[in-house]
Amino acid sequence: FGGWSCAVNNFIDDETKDLAMQFCSFVSKGAVPQAFGNATSDLHSGQDPVRLSQLEVDTYVARGYGEATTQEYLDNIKTGLSSENVVIDLRIPTAPSLMAALDSETYSYLTSADDTSSLSTAEVTDKI
């Protein structure tokens, strides 16, 4: 679905909103550093394609993926990437480790024995 997204709360003051959007724009521009690799250099990286050059079906088929399912997968990503609200992944040297830590902590929280079913939405939000 196009990977991570950047969002800015519409209910904040205009100056903060502009700064946040400038930040989103800044971290999503430029060449991807070699440390990140890309979706087609390691198909098992878990990284979704984020550039049009990574949306070539033949690249995936040559590596053993089925053509029909690959085409469907890439079409879905193209739909997500064409949204006017999308900003491409964070591009700083520690991004992969930051995302891995976020994924791990989110998984741990969601699978923990903590029963939050009796809490209000505000209480759950405060807990997070």
Foldseek 3Di string as FASTA:
>chain_A
DQDDFQDDDPPDDPVVRVVSVVVLQVQQDDDADVLVPACLVDVPPPHDHHDPVVLDLVSVVVVPDDSVVSNVVSVVNVVVNPDPRGRHDGRDNCRVVVVVVVVVVVVCVVPDPDDCVPPDPVVVVVVD
